[in-house]
Amino acid sequence: MSVLNLTQNTILGDTLLTLASNFNKTLKRINNYGIPKGCALWLHRCSGIYTVGMKNPVDIIFIDKNRRIIRILRNFPPGCFTESADGAIGAIELPPDTLSETHSNQGDLIELFPG
């Protein structure tokens, strides 16, 4: 799967990661090395995130049921907790600077495509 910002016509990630399979292995790799360039981590049913245990900052977007970005956190540092994003059905974690590079903003429409 890939993640697109339909409003900006940009690719947020060519590869969509989840924690559904190989939870421990995936989480350990992300904590140690960060989210690989070109990848996005989809966290379904998530309205808040913590980066405790991570060694690298991440970009984070929270999306609502209409797939609109309702909250953006750019270069969110390791060892922190986000406040809950009201109305969020999920979050997407991205490598740092992805949101700036793709000109992503609150209100943009996001799509997850099978790949």
Protein backbone atom coordinates (compact mmCIF):
# COMPACT_ATOMS: atom_id res chain seq x y z
CA MET A 1 0.00 0.00 0.00
CA SER A 2 1.00 3.58 -0.49
CA VAL A 3 -0.11 6.81 1.17
CA LEU A 4 -1.02 9.82 -0.94
CA ASN A 5 -1.92 13.39 -0.14
CA LEU A 6 -4.64 13.90 -2.74
CA THR A 7 -4.95 17.63 -2.03
CA GLN A 8 -1.27 18.30 -2.75
CA ASN A 9 -0.93 15.44 -5.27
CA THR A 10 2.12 14.12 -3.41
CA ILE A 11 3.25 10.72 -2.15
CA LEU A 12 3.75 10.52 1.61
CA GLY A 13 5.01 6.95 1.45
CA ASP A 14 5.41 4.28 -1.22
CA THR A 15 5.24 1.55 1.42
CA LEU A 16 2.67 1.43 4.19
CA LEU A 17 3.80 -0.36 7.34
CA THR A 18 1.50 -1.59 10.11
CA LEU A 19 2.08 -3.18 13.47
CA ALA A 20 -0.51 -5.88 12.74
CA SER A 21 2.06 -8.50 11.78
CA ASN A 22 5.50 -8.90 13.32
CA PHE A 23 4.62 -6.28 15.96
CA ASN A 24 7.75 -6.66 18.09
CA LYS A 25 10.16 -6.86 15.16
CA THR A 26 8.65 -3.86 13.36
CA LEU A 27 8.46 -1.73 16.51
CA LYS A 28 12.03 -2.57 17.52
CA ARG A 29 13.35 -1.64 14.07
CA ILE A 30 11.45 1.65 13.99
CA ASN A 31 12.56 2.52 17.53
CA ASN A 32 16.21 1.86 16.68
CA TYR A 33 16.48 3.19 13.14
CA GLY A 34 13.44 5.39 12.54
CA ILE A 35 10.90 5.05 9.79
CA PRO A 36 12.69 4.33 6.51
CA LYS A 37 12.53 6.99 3.78
CA GLY A 38 9.57 6.29 1.50
CA CYS A 39 7.66 4.43 4.22
CA ALA A 40 4.70 5.37 6.41
CA LEU A 41 3.46 3.66 9.57
CA TRP A 42 -0.35 3.42 9.82
CA LEU A 43 -1.73 3.28 13.36
CA HIS A 44 -5.44 2.46 13.13
CA ARG A 45 -7.78 3.54 15.96
CA CYS A 46 -5.18 5.92 17.32
CA SER A 47 -5.76 9.44 18.63
CA GLY A 48 -2.51 9.89 20.57
CA ILE A 49 1.10 8.78 20.16
CA TYR A 50 4.17 8.45 22.32
CA THR A 51 7.72 8.29 21.04
CA VAL A 52 9.26 6.80 24.17
CA GLY A 53 11.98 4.38 23.10
CA MET A 54 12.47 5.97 19.70
CA LYS A 55 15.84 7.45 18.79
CA ASN A 56 14.72 9.67 15.91
CA PRO A 57 12.05 12.33 15.41
CA VAL A 58 9.01 11.57 13.25
CA ASP A 59 6.39 13.53 11.37
CA ILE A 60 2.86 12.61 12.48
CA ILE A 61 -0.57 13.23 11.00
CA PHE A 62 -3.90 12.35 12.56
CA ILE A 63 -6.80 11.76 10.19
CA ASP A 64 -10.54 11.76 10.71
CA LYS A 65 -13.27 9.48 9.31
CA ASN A 66 -13.32 11.55 6.10
CA ARG A 67 -9.56 10.94 5.67
CA ARG A 68 -8.76 14.62 6.28
CA ILE A 69 -5.69 15.67 8.23
CA ILE A 70 -6.94 17.09 11.52
CA ARG A 71 -3.60 17.50 13.26
CA ILE A 72 0.04 17.74 12.16
CA LEU A 73 3.18 17.30 14.23
CA ARG A 74 6.41 18.00 12.35
CA ASN A 75 9.69 16.50 13.57
CA PHE A 76 8.07 15.26 16.78
CA PRO A 77 10.94 14.42 19.14
CA PRO A 78 11.76 11.09 20.77
CA GLY A 79 10.65 10.51 24.36
CA CYS A 80 7.43 12.55 24.15
CA PHE A 81 3.66 12.09 24.28
CA THR A 82 1.12 13.81 22.02
CA GLU A 83 -2.14 15.19 23.28
CA SER A 84 -5.16 13.29 22.07
CA ALA A 85 -6.47 14.41 18.67
CA ASP A 86 -10.25 14.62 19.01
CA GLY A 87 -12.04 12.93 16.11
CA ALA A 88 -8.99 10.99 14.91
CA ILE A 89 -9.57 7.47 13.59
CA GLY A 90 -5.88 6.88 13.07
CA ALA A 91 -2.42 8.32 12.75
CA ILE A 92 0.36 8.04 10.23
CA GLU A 93 3.99 8.33 11.29
CA LEU A 94 6.48 9.39 8.66
CA PRO A 95 10.20 10.08 8.39
CA PRO A 96 11.13 13.58 9.60
CA ASP A 97 10.61 16.43 7.11
CA THR A 98 8.19 14.40 4.94
CA LEU A 99 5.29 16.75 5.68
CA SER A 100 7.30 19.84 4.76
CA GLU A 101 8.68 18.20 1.61
CA THR A 102 5.16 17.21 0.48
CA HIS A 103 3.57 20.55 1.52
CA SER A 104 1.03 18.66 3.64
CA ASN A 105 -1.36 20.76 5.73
CA GLN A 106 -4.28 20.40 8.07
CA GLY A 107 -7.44 19.77 6.02
CA ASP A 108 -5.65 17.89 3.21
CA LEU A 109 -7.29 14.68 1.98
CA ILE A 110 -5.26 11.49 2.49
CA GLU A 111 -5.74 8.18 0.71
CA LEU A 112 -4.31 4.76 1.50
CA PHE A 113 -3.94 2.78 -1.74
CA PRO A 114 -3.32 -0.95 -2.11
CA GLY A 115 -0.04 -1.50 -3.86
